[in-house]
Amino acid sequence: MAELEKMKYEEALGRLEKIVAQIEDPQTAVGDIPAKVKEAAELLTYCRKMLKESEESIGKILDDEQ
């Protein structure tokens, strides 16, 4: 997870999209799918966290302006 903390949102989202494409690819070995799903879940959690933090930050800025 420490590696994720260094990623920008766009990088994490791009990696997530790549993993989803790999999971959907019929050429992907079934044995590789659990690790890919685990990484995708971690990326999804990270992206959601970043979005929530941004939303809270924007809300605070807007509240301070009023």
PDB file of N, CA and C in Angstrom:
ATOM      1  N   MET A   1       0.828  -1.201   0.000  1.00  0.00           N
ATOM      2  CA  MET A   1       0.000   0.000   0.000  1.00  0.00           C
ATOM      3  C   MET A   1       0.866   1.257   0.000  1.00  0.00           C
ATOM      4  N   ALA A   2       2.079   1.171   0.526  1.00  0.00           N
ATOM      5  CA  ALA A   2       2.961   2.333   0.556  1.00  0.00           C
ATOM      6  C   ALA A   2       3.265   2.811  -0.857  1.00  0.00           C
ATOM      7  N   GLU A   3       3.389   1.881  -1.788  1.00  0.00           N
ATOM      8  CA  GLU A   3       3.631   2.228  -3.186  1.00  0.00           C
ATOM      9  C   GLU A   3       2.444   3.010  -3.751  1.00  0.00           C
ATOM     10  N   LEU A   4       1.247   2.636  -3.359  1.00  0.00           N
ATOM     11  CA  LEU A   4       0.052   3.335  -3.817  1.00  0.00           C
ATOM     12  C   LEU A   4       0.047   4.782  -3.360  1.00  0.00           C
ATOM     13  N   GLU A   5       0.486   5.021  -2.151  1.00  0.00           N
ATOM     14  CA  GLU A   5       0.453   6.368  -1.587  1.00  0.00           C
ATOM     15  C   GLU A   5       1.280   7.353  -2.413  1.00  0.00           C
ATOM     16  N   LYS A   6       2.217   6.845  -3.216  1.00  0.00           N
ATOM     17  CA  LYS A   6       3.048   7.699  -4.056  1.00  0.00           C
ATOM     18  C   LYS A   6       2.407   7.952  -5.417  1.00  0.00           C
ATOM     19  N   MET A   7       1.355   7.194  -5.739  1.00  0.00           N
ATOM     20  CA  MET A   7       0.702   7.312  -7.038  1.00  0.00           C
ATOM     21  C   MET A   7      -0.270   8.475  -7.076  1.00  0.00           C
ATOM     22  N   LYS A   8      -0.322   9.118  -8.223  1.00  0.00           N
ATOM     23  CA  LYS A   8      -1.365  10.108  -8.454  1.00  0.00           C
ATOM     24  C   LYS A   8      -2.643   9.340  -8.774  1.00  0.00           C
ATOM     25  N   TYR A   9      -3.769  10.021  -8.602  1.00  0.00           N
ATOM     26  CA  TYR A   9      -5.061   9.401  -8.873  1.00  0.00           C
ATOM     27  C   TYR A   9      -5.120   8.854 -10.294  1.00  0.00           C
ATOM     28  N   GLU A  10      -4.676   9.653 -11.244  1.00  0.00           N
ATOM     29  CA  GLU A  10      -4.740   9.262 -12.650  1.00  0.00           C
ATOM     30  C   GLU A  10      -3.907   8.017 -12.930  1.00  0.00           C
ATOM     31  N   GLU A  11      -2.775   7.892 -12.260  1.00  0.00           N
ATOM     32  CA  GLU A  11      -1.931   6.709 -12.430  1.00  0.00           C
ATOM     33  C   GLU A  11      -2.627   5.476 -11.863  1.00  0.00           C
ATOM     34  N   ALA A  12      -3.200   5.625 -10.684  1.00  0.00           N
ATOM     35  CA  ALA A  12      -3.893   4.509 -10.047  1.00  0.00           C
ATOM     36  C   ALA A  12      -5.097   4.071 -10.878  1.00  0.00           C
ATOM     37  N   LEU A  13      -5.847   5.038 -11.389  1.00  0.00           N
ATOM     38  CA  LEU A  13      -7.007   4.724 -12.209  1.00  0.00           C
ATOM     39  C   LEU A  13      -6.583   4.036 -13.504  1.00  0.00           C
ATOM     40  N   GLY A  14      -5.522   4.506 -14.116  1.00  0.00           N
ATOM     41  CA  GLY A  14      -5.011   3.874 -15.328  1.00  0.00           C
ATOM     42  C   GLY A  14      -4.581   2.442 -15.080  1.00  0.00           C
ATOM     43  N   ARG A  15      -3.896   2.225 -13.967  1.00  0.00           N
ATOM     44  CA  ARG A  15      -3.474   0.862 -13.604  1.00  0.00           C
ATOM     45  C   ARG A  15      -4.695  -0.015 -13.359  1.00  0.00           C
ATOM     46  N   LEU A  16      -5.697   0.516 -12.684  1.00  0.00           N
ATOM     47  CA  LEU A  16      -6.928  -0.226 -12.416  1.00  0.00           C
ATOM     48  C   LEU A  16      -7.603  -0.626 -13.731  1.00  0.00           C
ATOM     49  N   GLU A  17      -7.689   0.307 -14.661  1.00  0.00           N
ATOM     50  CA  GLU A  17      -8.309   0.009 -15.956  1.00  0.00           C
ATOM     51  C   GLU A  17      -7.531  -1.080 -16.700  1.00  0.00           C
ATOM     52  N   LYS A  18      -6.209  -1.033 -16.612  1.00  0.00           N
ATOM     53  CA  LYS A  18      -5.370  -2.044 -17.269  1.00  0.00           C
ATOM     54  C   LYS A  18      -5.616  -3.422 -16.664  1.00  0.00           C
ATOM     55  N   ILE A  19      -5.708  -3.488 -15.349  1.00  0.00           N
ATOM     56  CA  ILE A  19      -5.941  -4.765 -14.675  1.00  0.00           C
ATOM     57  C   ILE A  19      -7.313  -5.322 -15.035  1.00  0.00           C
ATOM     58  N   VAL A  20      -8.317  -4.464 -15.068  1.00  0.00           N
ATOM     59  CA  VAL A  20      -9.659  -4.919 -15.436  1.00  0.00           C
ATOM     60  C   VAL A  20      -9.639  -5.502 -16.845  1.00  0.00           C
ATOM     61  N   ALA A  21      -8.942  -4.852 -17.761  1.00  0.00           N
ATOM     62  CA  ALA A  21      -8.832  -5.363 -19.130  1.00  0.00           C
ATOM     63  C   ALA A  21      -8.142  -6.725 -19.142  1.00  0.00           C
ATOM     64  N   GLN A  22      -7.116  -6.894 -18.310  1.00  0.00           N
ATOM     65  CA  GLN A  22      -6.408  -8.175 -18.233  1.00  0.00           C
ATOM     66  C   GLN A  22      -7.321  -9.267 -17.676  1.00  0.00           C
ATOM     67  N   ILE A  23      -8.120  -8.924 -16.674  1.00  0.00           N
ATOM     68  CA  ILE A  23      -9.036  -9.902 -16.077  1.00  0.00           C
ATOM     69  C   ILE A  23     -10.076 -10.333 -17.105  1.00  0.00           C
ATOM     70  N   GLU A  24     -10.536  -9.383 -17.910  1.00  0.00           N
ATOM     71  CA  GLU A  24     -11.556  -9.686 -18.915  1.00  0.00           C
ATOM     72  C   GLU A  24     -10.989 -10.409 -20.133  1.00  0.00           C
ATOM     73  N   ASP A  25      -9.680 -10.355 -20.321  1.00  0.00           N
ATOM     74  CA  ASP A  25      -9.040 -10.989 -21.475  1.00  0.00           C
ATOM     75  C   ASP A  25      -9.064 -12.510 -21.321  1.00  0.00           C
ATOM     76  N   PRO A  26      -9.634 -13.212 -22.291  1.00  0.00           N
ATOM     77  CA  PRO A  26      -9.695 -14.673 -22.195  1.00  0.00           C
ATOM     78  C   PRO A  26      -8.313 -15.329 -22.199  1.00  0.00           C
ATOM     79  N   GLN A  27      -7.295 -14.609 -22.611  1.00  0.00           N
ATOM     80  CA  GLN A  27      -5.932 -15.153 -22.632  1.00  0.00           C
ATOM     81  C   GLN A  27      -5.276 -15.160 -21.249  1.00  0.00           C
ATOM     82  N   THR A  28      -5.863 -14.440 -20.307  1.00  0.00           N
ATOM     83  CA  THR A  28      -5.308 -14.386 -18.954  1.00  0.00           C
ATOM     84  C   THR A  28      -5.503 -15.729 -18.264  1.00  0.00           C
ATOM     85  N   ALA A  29      -4.428 -16.234 -17.712  1.00  0.00           N
ATOM     86  CA  ALA A  29      -4.486 -17.521 -17.012  1.00  0.00           C
ATOM     87  C   ALA A  29      -5.368 -17.403 -15.773  1.00  0.00           C
ATOM     88  N   VAL A  30      -6.187 -18.401 -15.573  1.00  0.00           N
ATOM     89  CA  VAL A  30      -7.110 -18.411 -14.427  1.00  0.00           C
ATOM     90  C   VAL A  30      -6.345 -18.264 -13.116  1.00  0.00           C
ATOM     91  N   GLY A  31      -5.186 -18.851 -13.024  1.00  0.00           N
ATOM     92  CA  GLY A  31      -4.387 -18.774 -11.804  1.00  0.00           C
ATOM     93  C   GLY A  31      -3.868 -17.385 -11.499  1.00  0.00           C
ATOM     94  N   ASP A  32      -3.814 -16.530 -12.522  1.00  0.00           N
ATOM     95  CA  ASP A  32      -3.332 -15.158 -12.323  1.00  0.00           C
ATOM     96  C   ASP A  32      -4.434 -14.212 -11.845  1.00  0.00           C
ATOM     97  N   ILE A  33      -5.662 -14.614 -12.003  1.00  0.00           N
ATOM     98  CA  ILE A  33      -6.789 -13.721 -11.721  1.00  0.00           C
ATOM     99  C   ILE A  33      -6.897 -13.312 -10.248  1.00  0.00           C
ATOM    100  N   PRO A  34      -6.735 -14.219  -9.284  1.00  0.00           N
ATOM    101  CA  PRO A  34      -6.863 -13.771  -7.877  1.00  0.00           C
ATOM    102  C   PRO A  34      -5.914 -12.634  -7.496  1.00  0.00           C
ATOM    103  N   ALA A  35      -4.666 -12.698  -7.937  1.00  0.00           N
ATOM    104  CA  ALA A  35      -3.711 -11.627  -7.616  1.00  0.00           C
ATOM    105  C   ALA A  35      -4.124 -10.327  -8.287  1.00  0.00           C
ATOM    106  N   LYS A  36      -4.630 -10.423  -9.506  1.00  0.00           N
ATOM    107  CA  LYS A  36      -5.072  -9.236 -10.229  1.00  0.00           C
ATOM    108  C   LYS A  36      -6.301  -8.614  -9.548  1.00  0.00           C
ATOM    109  N   VAL A  37      -7.214  -9.446  -9.092  1.00  0.00           N
ATOM    110  CA  VAL A  37      -8.402  -8.954  -8.395  1.00  0.00           C
ATOM    111  C   VAL A  37      -7.996  -8.275  -7.085  1.00  0.00           C
ATOM    112  N   LYS A  38      -7.032  -8.846  -6.388  1.00  0.00           N
ATOM    113  CA  LYS A  38      -6.550  -8.260  -5.134  1.00  0.00           C
ATOM    114  C   LYS A  38      -5.945  -6.879  -5.389  1.00  0.00           C
ATOM    115  N   GLU A  39      -5.094  -6.782  -6.413  1.00  0.00           N
ATOM    116  CA  GLU A  39      -4.486  -5.491  -6.735  1.00  0.00           C
ATOM    117  C   GLU A  39      -5.552  -4.485  -7.166  1.00  0.00           C
ATOM    118  N   ALA A  40      -6.510  -4.942  -7.961  1.00  0.00           N
ATOM    119  CA  ALA A  40      -7.592  -4.063  -8.408  1.00  0.00           C
ATOM    120  C   ALA A  40      -8.382  -3.544  -7.213  1.00  0.00           C
ATOM    121  N   ALA A  41      -8.658  -4.395  -6.249  1.00  0.00           N
ATOM    122  CA  ALA A  41      -9.403  -3.984  -5.058  1.00  0.00           C
ATOM    123  C   ALA A  41      -8.629  -2.928  -4.273  1.00  0.00           C
ATOM    124  N   GLU A  42      -7.315  -3.111  -4.156  1.00  0.00           N
ATOM    125  CA  GLU A  42      -6.487  -2.134  -3.450  1.00  0.00           C
ATOM    126  C   GLU A  42      -6.485  -0.792  -4.182  1.00  0.00           C
ATOM    127  N   LEU A  43      -6.376  -0.848  -5.501  1.00  0.00           N
ATOM    128  CA  LEU A  43      -6.399   0.378  -6.293  1.00  0.00           C
ATOM    129  C   LEU A  43      -7.747   1.077  -6.186  1.00  0.00           C
ATOM    130  N   LEU A  44      -8.811   0.312  -6.213  1.00  0.00           N
ATOM    131  CA  LEU A  44     -10.153   0.884  -6.100  1.00  0.00           C
ATOM    132  C   LEU A  44     -10.331   1.575  -4.752  1.00  0.00           C
ATOM    133  N   THR A  45      -9.898   0.944  -3.697  1.00  0.00           N
ATOM    134  CA  THR A  45      -9.977   1.536  -2.360  1.00  0.00           C
ATOM    135  C   THR A  45      -9.173   2.835  -2.309  1.00  0.00           C
ATOM    136  N   TYR A  46      -7.982   2.811  -2.887  1.00  0.00           N
ATOM    137  CA  TYR A  46      -7.123   3.999  -2.912  1.00  0.00           C
ATOM    138  C   TYR A  46      -7.780   5.135  -3.702  1.00  0.00           C
ATOM    139  N   CYS A  47      -8.324   4.821  -4.872  1.00  0.00           N
ATOM    140  CA  CYS A  47      -8.980   5.840  -5.695  1.00  0.00           C
ATOM    141  C   CYS A  47     -10.184   6.439  -4.967  1.00  0.00           C
ATOM    142  N   ARG A  48     -10.973   5.606  -4.337  1.00  0.00           N
ATOM    143  CA  ARG A  48     -12.127   6.103  -3.580  1.00  0.00           C
ATOM    144  C   ARG A  48     -11.684   7.024  -2.448  1.00  0.00           C
ATOM    145  N   LYS A  49     -10.597   6.647  -1.766  1.00  0.00           N
ATOM    146  CA  LYS A  49     -10.062   7.459  -0.670  1.00  0.00           C
ATOM    147  C   LYS A  49      -9.629   8.825  -1.190  1.00  0.00           C
ATOM    148  N   MET A  50      -8.935   8.826  -2.321  1.00  0.00           N
ATOM    149  CA  MET A  50      -8.472  10.089  -2.891  1.00  0.00           C
ATOM    150  C   MET A  50      -9.645  10.972  -3.308  1.00  0.00           C
ATOM    151  N   LEU A  51     -10.670  10.381  -3.895  1.00  0.00           N
ATOM    152  CA  LEU A  51     -11.847  11.146  -4.294  1.00  0.00           C
ATOM    153  C   LEU A  51     -12.558  11.735  -3.082  1.00  0.00           C
ATOM    154  N   LYS A  52     -12.670  10.939  -2.014  1.00  0.00           N
ATOM    155  CA  LYS A  52     -13.326  11.418  -0.797  1.00  0.00           C
ATOM    156  C   LYS A  52     -12.549  12.574  -0.182  1.00  0.00           C
ATOM    157  N   GLU A  53     -11.215  12.448  -0.145  1.00  0.00           N
ATOM    158  CA  GLU A  53     -10.389  13.516   0.408  1.00  0.00           C
ATOM    159  C   GLU A  53     -10.522  14.794  -0.421  1.00  0.00           C
ATOM    160  N   SER A  54     -10.567  14.650  -1.733  1.00  0.00           N
ATOM    161  CA  SER A  54     -10.733  15.818  -2.604  1.00  0.00           C
ATOM    162  C   SER A  54     -12.087  16.470  -2.389  1.00  0.00           C
ATOM    163  N   GLU A  55     -13.118  15.651  -2.279  1.00  0.00           N
ATOM    164  CA  GLU A  55     -14.464  16.163  -2.047  1.00  0.00           C
ATOM    165  C   GLU A  55     -14.534  16.935  -0.728  1.00  0.00           C
ATOM    166  N   GLU A  56     -13.929  16.376   0.316  1.00  0.00           N
ATOM    167  CA  GLU A  56     -13.934  17.040   1.618  1.00  0.00           C
ATOM    168  C   GLU A  56     -13.157  18.350   1.567  1.00  0.00           C
ATOM    169  N   SER A  57     -12.040  18.329   0.853  1.00  0.00           N
ATOM    170  CA  SER A  57     -11.223  19.534   0.729  1.00  0.00           C
ATOM    171  C   SER A  57     -11.978  20.630  -0.018  1.00  0.00           C
ATOM    172  N   ILE A  58     -12.642  20.263  -1.095  1.00  0.00           N
ATOM    173  CA  ILE A  58     -13.430  21.231  -1.857  1.00  0.00           C
ATOM    174  C   ILE A  58     -14.585  21.758  -1.025  1.00  0.00           C
ATOM    175  N   GLY A  59     -15.237  20.885  -0.287  1.00  0.00           N
ATOM    176  CA  GLY A  59     -16.337  21.303   0.585  1.00  0.00           C
ATOM    177  C   GLY A  59     -15.869  22.308   1.623  1.00  0.00           C
ATOM    178  N   LYS A  60     -14.688  22.065   2.185  1.00  0.00           N
ATOM    179  CA  LYS A  60     -14.138  22.988   3.187  1.00  0.00           C
ATOM    180  C   LYS A  60     -13.833  24.336   2.556  1.00  0.00           C
ATOM    181  N   ILE A  61     -13.264  24.316   1.365  1.00  0.00           N
ATOM    182  CA  ILE A  61     -12.958  25.575   0.666  1.00  0.00           C
ATOM    183  C   ILE A  61     -14.231  26.356   0.414  1.00  0.00           C
ATOM    184  N   LEU A  62     -15.260  25.667  -0.063  1.00  0.00           N
ATOM    185  CA  LEU A  62     -16.531  26.336  -0.346  1.00  0.00           C
ATOM    186  C   LEU A  62     -17.177  26.868   0.928  1.00  0.00           C
ATOM    187  N   ASP A  63     -17.085  26.120   2.016  1.00  0.00           N
ATOM    188  CA  ASP A  63     -17.652  26.566   3.284  1.00  0.00           C
ATOM    189  C   ASP A  63     -16.915  27.805   3.795  1.00  0.00           C
ATOM    190  N   ASP A  64     -15.595  27.825   3.619  1.00  0.00           N
ATOM    191  CA  ASP A  64     -14.798  28.974   4.071  1.00  0.00           C
ATOM    192  C   ASP A  64     -15.107  30.232   3.270  1.00  0.00           C
ATOM    193  N   GLU A  65     -15.548  30.049   2.039  1.00  0.00           N
ATOM    194  CA  GLU A  65     -15.866  31.192   1.183  1.00  0.00           C
ATOM    195  C   GLU A  65     -17.197  31.843   1.551  1.00  0.00           C
ATOM    196  N   GLN A  66     -18.031  31.152   2.266  1.00  0.00           N
ATOM    197  CA  GLN A  66     -19.362  31.678   2.587  1.00  0.00           C
ATOM    198  C   GLN A  66     -19.356  32.503   3.848  1.00  0.00           C
TER     199      GLN A  66
END
